[in-house]
Protein backbone atom coordinates (compact mmCIF):
# COMPACT_ATOMS: atom_id res chain seq x y z
CA UNK A 1 -32.17 -14.45 -85.55
CA UNK A 2 -31.86 -11.21 -87.52
CA UNK A 3 -35.64 -10.90 -87.64
CA UNK A 4 -35.91 -11.51 -83.83
CA UNK A 5 -33.39 -8.85 -82.96
CA UNK A 6 -34.99 -6.44 -85.37
CA UNK A 7 -38.20 -6.88 -83.43
CA UNK A 8 -40.04 -8.93 -86.15
CA UNK A 9 -41.95 -12.07 -85.28
CA UNK A 10 -42.38 -14.55 -88.21
CA UNK A 11 -44.43 -17.67 -88.49
CA UNK A 12 -41.21 -19.77 -88.22
CA UNK A 13 -40.35 -18.07 -84.86
CA UNK A 14 -43.97 -18.61 -83.57
CA UNK A 15 -43.63 -22.30 -84.40
CA UNK A 16 -40.28 -22.55 -82.79
CA UNK A 17 -41.64 -20.82 -79.55
CA UNK A 18 -44.71 -23.05 -79.38
CA UNK A 19 -42.41 -26.10 -79.60
CA UNK A 20 -40.10 -24.61 -76.80
CA UNK A 21 -43.13 -23.96 -74.51
CA UNK A 22 -44.38 -27.52 -75.07
CA UNK A 23 -40.97 -28.82 -74.25
CA UNK A 24 -40.74 -26.80 -71.07
CA UNK A 25 -44.07 -27.95 -69.96
CA UNK A 26 -43.21 -31.59 -70.53
CA UNK A 27 -40.14 -31.25 -68.46
CA UNK A 28 -42.01 -29.32 -65.67
CA UNK A 29 -44.64 -31.95 -65.40
CA UNK A 30 -42.07 -34.80 -65.35
CA UNK A 31 -40.18 -33.08 -62.63
CA UNK A 32 -43.23 -32.22 -60.69
CA UNK A 33 -44.11 -35.99 -60.41
CA UNK A 34 -40.59 -36.58 -58.86
CA UNK A 35 -41.01 -33.93 -56.39
CA UNK A 36 -43.51 -35.83 -54.55
CA UNK A 37 -40.80 -38.32 -53.62
CA UNK A 38 -38.76 -35.69 -51.95
CA UNK A 39 -39.04 -34.96 -48.28
CA UNK A 40 -41.38 -31.94 -47.51
CA UNK A 41 -38.56 -29.56 -46.71
CA UNK A 42 -37.04 -30.28 -50.20
CA UNK A 43 -40.13 -29.46 -52.20
CA UNK A 44 -41.33 -26.25 -53.91
CA UNK A 45 -41.12 -23.01 -51.93
CA UNK A 46 -44.40 -22.59 -49.91
CA UNK A 47 -44.52 -26.25 -49.04
CA UNK A 48 -42.05 -26.02 -46.19
CA UNK A 49 -38.92 -25.95 -48.33
CA UNK A 50 -38.68 -22.17 -47.93
CA UNK A 51 -38.54 -22.54 -44.01
CA UNK A 52 -35.01 -23.94 -43.90
């Protein structure tokens, strides 16, 4: 963490961040599948859910 706070990005940090991005995308896509099961007013903003 010292290198991060010093503003240095190492290969170890890049690998870590790539894995975190892959992990976040995986969760997003899994959740997105389930959103289709919700009523339209409970879905993502812009699909009626922001009109409550």
